[in-house]
Amino acid sequence: MKNMGQLMKQAQQMQAKIATLQKELETREVEASSGGGMVKVKVNGKQEILDITINPECVDPSDVDMLQDLVKTAVNQAVTESNEMVNSAMSKVTGGMNIPGLF
């Protein structure tokens, strides 16, 4: 039973580290762009979009499709980078174990 107590203690320590990391990740930000920087998207570690910046030069009423594609590309890239940031940080705490539902 001594091993079980030690295991529970380690699990509680890991849980505390994960909670601290989750709070920290909420403040971390990544930025991605598309169209050579014409559209920029900033996302935090919770995969929330914080900011979208669109250069007025790429706003062409006759080519809305292009602008939509630029925004979609930038958002997808920012979310991907945010996911990678979270996964990298979490794997340091969990020792590479994939624990569903952490973030």
N, C-alpha and C. Protein backbone atom coordinates (compact mmCIF):
# COMPACT_ATOMS: atom_id res chain seq x y z
N MET A 1 0.81 -1.20 0.00
CA MET A 1 0.00 0.00 0.00
C MET A 1 0.85 1.27 0.00
N LYS A 2 2.09 1.13 0.41
CA LYS A 2 2.97 2.29 0.42
C LYS A 2 3.16 2.84 -0.99
N ASN A 3 3.28 1.95 -1.98
CA ASN A 3 3.43 2.37 -3.37
C ASN A 3 2.19 3.10 -3.87
N MET A 4 1.01 2.66 -3.43
CA MET A 4 -0.24 3.29 -3.85
C MET A 4 -0.30 4.73 -3.30
N GLY A 5 0.12 4.92 -2.08
CA GLY A 5 0.14 6.26 -1.49
C GLY A 5 1.10 7.17 -2.24
N GLN A 6 2.26 6.63 -2.61
CA GLN A 6 3.24 7.41 -3.37
C GLN A 6 2.69 7.76 -4.75
N LEU A 7 2.02 6.81 -5.37
CA LEU A 7 1.41 7.04 -6.68
C LEU A 7 0.35 8.13 -6.60
N MET A 8 -0.47 8.11 -5.57
CA MET A 8 -1.51 9.13 -5.40
C MET A 8 -0.87 10.51 -5.19
N LYS A 9 0.20 10.55 -4.43
CA LYS A 9 0.89 11.81 -4.19
C LYS A 9 1.45 12.37 -5.50
N GLN A 10 2.04 11.50 -6.31
CA GLN A 10 2.58 11.93 -7.60
C GLN A 10 1.47 12.43 -8.53
N ALA A 11 0.33 11.74 -8.49
CA ALA A 11 -0.80 12.15 -9.32
C ALA A 11 -1.31 13.53 -8.90
N GLN A 12 -1.36 13.78 -7.61
CA GLN A 12 -1.81 15.09 -7.12
C GLN A 12 -0.82 16.18 -7.50
N GLN A 13 0.47 15.87 -7.43
CA GLN A 13 1.48 16.84 -7.83
C GLN A 13 1.36 17.16 -9.32
N MET A 14 1.15 16.13 -10.13
CA MET A 14 1.00 16.33 -11.56
C MET A 14 -0.25 17.17 -11.83
N GLN A 15 -1.31 16.88 -11.12
CA GLN A 15 -2.56 17.62 -11.30
C GLN A 15 -2.35 19.10 -10.97
N ALA A 16 -1.61 19.39 -9.92
CA ALA A 16 -1.34 20.78 -9.55
C ALA A 16 -0.49 21.47 -10.62
N LYS A 17 0.51 20.75 -11.15
CA LYS A 17 1.35 21.32 -12.20
C LYS A 17 0.54 21.61 -13.46
N ILE A 18 -0.36 20.69 -13.79
CA ILE A 18 -1.20 20.87 -14.98
C ILE A 18 -2.12 22.07 -14.81
N ALA A 19 -2.71 22.22 -13.62
CA ALA A 19 -3.59 23.36 -13.38
C ALA A 19 -2.83 24.68 -13.51
N THR A 20 -1.62 24.72 -12.99
CA THR A 20 -0.78 25.92 -13.10
C THR A 20 -0.45 26.20 -14.55
N LEU A 21 -0.09 25.15 -15.29
CA LEU A 21 0.26 25.31 -16.70
C LEU A 21 -0.94 25.78 -17.51
N GLN A 22 -2.12 25.25 -17.22
CA GLN A 22 -3.31 25.68 -17.95
C GLN A 22 -3.56 27.17 -17.76
N LYS A 23 -3.38 27.67 -16.55
CA LYS A 23 -3.54 29.10 -16.30
C LYS A 23 -2.51 29.90 -17.11
N GLU A 24 -1.28 29.40 -17.12
CA GLU A 24 -0.22 30.08 -17.86
C GLU A 24 -0.51 30.08 -19.36
N LEU A 25 -0.98 28.96 -19.88
CA LEU A 25 -1.25 28.86 -21.31
C LEU A 25 -2.35 29.82 -21.76
N GLU A 26 -3.26 30.14 -20.86
CA GLU A 26 -4.31 31.09 -21.20
C GLU A 26 -3.74 32.45 -21.57
N THR A 27 -2.56 32.76 -21.04
CA THR A 27 -1.95 34.07 -21.30
C THR A 27 -0.96 34.03 -22.46
N ARG A 28 -0.55 32.85 -22.88
CA ARG A 28 0.39 32.75 -24.01
C ARG A 28 -0.36 33.00 -25.31
N GLU A 29 0.34 33.61 -26.26
CA GLU A 29 -0.29 33.94 -27.54
C GLU A 29 0.61 33.51 -28.70
N VAL A 30 -0.03 33.16 -29.79
CA VAL A 30 0.68 32.91 -31.04
C VAL A 30 0.01 33.76 -32.11
N GLU A 31 0.80 34.11 -33.12
CA GLU A 31 0.25 34.90 -34.22
C GLU A 31 0.63 34.23 -35.53
N ALA A 32 -0.31 34.15 -36.43
CA ALA A 32 -0.06 33.61 -37.76
C ALA A 32 -0.58 34.61 -38.78
N SER A 33 -0.04 34.51 -39.97
CA SER A 33 -0.48 35.42 -41.02
C SER A 33 -0.60 34.68 -42.34
N SER A 34 -1.27 35.32 -43.27
CA SER A 34 -1.38 34.79 -44.62
C SER A 34 -1.32 35.96 -45.59
N GLY A 35 -1.10 35.63 -46.85
CA GLY A 35 -1.02 36.67 -47.87
C GLY A 35 0.14 37.61 -47.65
N GLY A 36 1.25 37.06 -47.17
CA GLY A 36 2.42 37.90 -46.94
C GLY A 36 2.21 38.92 -45.84
N GLY A 37 1.40 38.56 -44.86
CA GLY A 37 1.14 39.47 -43.74
C GLY A 37 -0.07 40.35 -43.93
N MET A 38 -0.82 40.13 -44.99
CA MET A 38 -2.01 40.95 -45.24
C MET A 38 -3.10 40.67 -44.21
N VAL A 39 -3.17 39.42 -43.73
CA VAL A 39 -4.13 39.05 -42.70
C VAL A 39 -3.34 38.41 -41.57
N LYS A 40 -3.55 38.92 -40.35
CA LYS A 40 -2.88 38.37 -39.17
C LYS A 40 -3.93 37.98 -38.14
N VAL A 41 -3.68 36.82 -37.49
CA VAL A 41 -4.59 36.33 -36.48
C VAL A 41 -3.78 35.98 -35.24
N LYS A 42 -4.26 36.43 -34.09
CA LYS A 42 -3.62 36.14 -32.81
C LYS A 42 -4.56 35.24 -32.00
N VAL A 43 -3.99 34.13 -31.46
CA VAL A 43 -4.76 33.14 -30.72
C VAL A 43 -4.04 32.86 -29.41
N ASN A 44 -4.80 32.59 -28.34
CA ASN A 44 -4.17 32.24 -27.08
C ASN A 44 -4.11 30.72 -26.90
N GLY A 45 -3.60 30.29 -25.76
CA GLY A 45 -3.46 28.87 -25.48
C GLY A 45 -4.76 28.13 -25.26
N LYS A 46 -5.86 28.85 -25.19
CA LYS A 46 -7.18 28.22 -25.09
C LYS A 46 -7.84 28.13 -26.46
N GLN A 47 -7.08 28.43 -27.50
CA GLN A 47 -7.55 28.46 -28.87
C GLN A 47 -8.66 29.48 -29.07
N GLU A 48 -8.59 30.59 -28.33
CA GLU A 48 -9.52 31.69 -28.52
C GLU A 48 -8.86 32.72 -29.43
N ILE A 49 -9.60 33.20 -30.40
CA ILE A 49 -9.08 34.24 -31.29
C ILE A 49 -9.11 35.55 -30.53
N LEU A 50 -7.93 36.15 -30.40
CA LEU A 50 -7.80 37.41 -29.66
C LEU A 50 -7.87 38.63 -30.57
N ASP A 51 -7.36 38.46 -31.79
CA ASP A 51 -7.29 39.61 -32.68
C ASP A 51 -7.18 39.15 -34.12
N ILE A 52 -7.84 39.87 -35.00
CA ILE A 52 -7.69 39.67 -36.45
C ILE A 52 -7.38 41.04 -37.04
N THR A 53 -6.28 41.12 -37.78
CA THR A 53 -5.89 42.36 -38.43
C THR A 53 -5.90 42.13 -39.94
N ILE A 54 -6.62 42.98 -40.64
CA ILE A 54 -6.71 42.87 -42.10
C ILE A 54 -6.17 44.16 -42.70
N ASN A 55 -5.15 44.03 -43.52
CA ASN A 55 -4.58 45.19 -44.20
C ASN A 55 -5.62 45.71 -45.20
N PRO A 56 -5.94 46.99 -45.15
CA PRO A 56 -6.96 47.54 -46.06
C PRO A 56 -6.66 47.31 -47.54
N GLU A 57 -5.39 47.12 -47.88
CA GLU A 57 -5.03 46.89 -49.28
C GLU A 57 -5.63 45.59 -49.84
N CYS A 58 -5.91 44.64 -48.95
CA CYS A 58 -6.44 43.37 -49.47
C CYS A 58 -7.97 43.32 -49.43
N VAL A 59 -8.60 44.43 -49.09
CA VAL A 59 -10.06 44.49 -49.09
C VAL A 59 -10.52 44.99 -50.45
N ASP A 60 -10.92 44.04 -51.28
CA ASP A 60 -11.38 44.33 -52.63
C ASP A 60 -12.82 43.81 -52.74
N PRO A 61 -13.80 44.72 -52.79
CA PRO A 61 -15.19 44.28 -52.85
C PRO A 61 -15.49 43.32 -54.01
N SER A 62 -14.70 43.38 -55.04
CA SER A 62 -14.95 42.49 -56.18
C SER A 62 -14.29 41.12 -56.00
N ASP A 63 -13.49 40.95 -54.93
CA ASP A 63 -12.81 39.68 -54.70
C ASP A 63 -12.89 39.27 -53.23
N VAL A 64 -14.11 39.17 -52.74
CA VAL A 64 -14.34 38.78 -51.35
C VAL A 64 -13.82 37.37 -51.09
N ASP A 65 -13.88 36.51 -52.09
CA ASP A 65 -13.41 35.13 -51.92
C ASP A 65 -11.94 35.08 -51.49
N MET A 66 -11.12 35.95 -52.09
CA MET A 66 -9.71 35.95 -51.73
C MET A 66 -9.53 36.33 -50.26
N LEU A 67 -10.24 37.35 -49.82
CA LEU A 67 -10.14 37.80 -48.42
C LEU A 67 -10.61 36.69 -47.48
N GLN A 68 -11.68 36.03 -47.83
CA GLN A 68 -12.17 34.93 -47.00
C GLN A 68 -11.13 33.81 -46.90
N ASP A 69 -10.50 33.50 -48.00
CA ASP A 69 -9.45 32.47 -47.99
C ASP A 69 -8.26 32.88 -47.14
N LEU A 70 -7.87 34.15 -47.22
CA LEU A 70 -6.75 34.64 -46.41
C LEU A 70 -7.08 34.56 -44.92
N VAL A 71 -8.29 34.95 -44.56
CA VAL A 71 -8.70 34.89 -43.14
C VAL A 71 -8.73 33.44 -42.67
N LYS A 72 -9.33 32.57 -43.46
CA LYS A 72 -9.43 31.16 -43.08
C LYS A 72 -8.04 30.55 -42.92
N THR A 73 -7.14 30.84 -43.84
CA THR A 73 -5.78 30.30 -43.77
C THR A 73 -5.06 30.79 -42.52
N ALA A 74 -5.17 32.07 -42.22
CA ALA A 74 -4.50 32.63 -41.05
C ALA A 74 -5.08 32.06 -39.75
N VAL A 75 -6.40 31.94 -39.68
CA VAL A 75 -7.04 31.37 -38.48
C VAL A 75 -6.61 29.93 -38.28
N ASN A 76 -6.66 29.13 -39.34
CA ASN A 76 -6.27 27.73 -39.21
C ASN A 76 -4.81 27.59 -38.79
N GLN A 77 -3.94 28.41 -39.33
CA GLN A 77 -2.53 28.36 -38.96
C GLN A 77 -2.33 28.76 -37.50
N ALA A 78 -3.01 29.80 -37.06
CA ALA A 78 -2.88 30.25 -35.68
C ALA A 78 -3.38 29.20 -34.70
N VAL A 79 -4.51 28.56 -35.02
CA VAL A 79 -5.04 27.51 -34.15
C VAL A 79 -4.09 26.32 -34.11
N THR A 80 -3.52 25.95 -35.25
CA THR A 80 -2.56 24.85 -35.31
C THR A 80 -1.34 25.17 -34.44
N GLU A 81 -0.82 26.38 -34.55
CA GLU A 81 0.35 26.77 -33.76
C GLU A 81 0.01 26.80 -32.26
N SER A 82 -1.19 27.23 -31.93
CA SER A 82 -1.62 27.25 -30.53
C SER A 82 -1.71 25.82 -29.99
N ASN A 83 -2.28 24.92 -30.78
CA ASN A 83 -2.36 23.51 -30.37
C ASN A 83 -0.98 22.92 -30.15
N GLU A 84 -0.06 23.22 -31.04
CA GLU A 84 1.31 22.71 -30.91
C GLU A 84 1.96 23.26 -29.64
N MET A 85 1.72 24.53 -29.35
CA MET A 85 2.28 25.15 -28.15
C MET A 85 1.74 24.46 -26.90
N VAL A 86 0.42 24.22 -26.86
CA VAL A 86 -0.20 23.57 -25.71
C VAL A 86 0.30 22.14 -25.57
N ASN A 87 0.33 21.40 -26.67
CA ASN A 87 0.77 20.00 -26.61
C ASN A 87 2.21 19.90 -26.14
N SER A 88 3.06 20.78 -26.61
CA SER A 88 4.46 20.77 -26.21
C SER A 88 4.60 21.06 -24.72
N ALA A 89 3.88 22.06 -24.24
CA ALA A 89 3.95 22.42 -22.83
C ALA A 89 3.38 21.31 -21.95
N MET A 90 2.28 20.73 -22.36
CA MET A 90 1.66 19.66 -21.57
C MET A 90 2.54 18.41 -21.53
N SER A 91 3.20 18.09 -22.64
CA SER A 91 4.02 16.88 -22.66
C SER A 91 5.20 17.00 -21.70
N LYS A 92 5.65 18.23 -21.45
CA LYS A 92 6.72 18.43 -20.48
C LYS A 92 6.25 18.11 -19.07
N VAL A 93 4.99 18.40 -18.77
CA VAL A 93 4.45 18.15 -17.44
C VAL A 93 4.05 16.68 -17.28
N THR A 94 3.47 16.11 -18.34
CA THR A 94 2.94 14.75 -18.23
C THR A 94 3.95 13.69 -18.63
N GLY A 95 5.15 14.11 -18.97
CA GLY A 95 6.17 13.14 -19.39
C GLY A 95 5.83 12.47 -20.71
N GLY A 96 5.06 13.15 -21.54
CA GLY A 96 4.70 12.62 -22.86
C GLY A 96 3.45 11.75 -22.86
N MET A 97 2.86 11.51 -21.67
CA MET A 97 1.62 10.73 -21.63
C MET A 97 0.50 11.55 -22.24
N ASN A 98 -0.30 10.92 -23.06
CA ASN A 98 -1.45 11.60 -23.65
C ASN A 98 -2.64 11.38 -22.73
N ILE A 99 -3.04 12.42 -22.03
CA ILE A 99 -4.15 12.33 -21.09
C ILE A 99 -5.32 13.12 -21.66
N PRO A 100 -6.35 12.41 -22.15
CA PRO A 100 -7.48 13.07 -22.79
C PRO A 100 -8.18 14.07 -21.86
N GLY A 101 -8.61 15.17 -22.45
CA GLY A 101 -9.42 16.13 -21.71
C GLY A 101 -8.64 17.12 -20.86
N LEU A 102 -7.31 17.13 -20.98
CA LEU A 102 -6.55 18.07 -20.16
C LEU A 102 -6.75 19.50 -20.63
N PHE A 103 -6.83 19.68 -21.93
CA PHE A 103 -6.94 21.03 -22.47
C PHE A 103 -7.61 20.98 -23.80
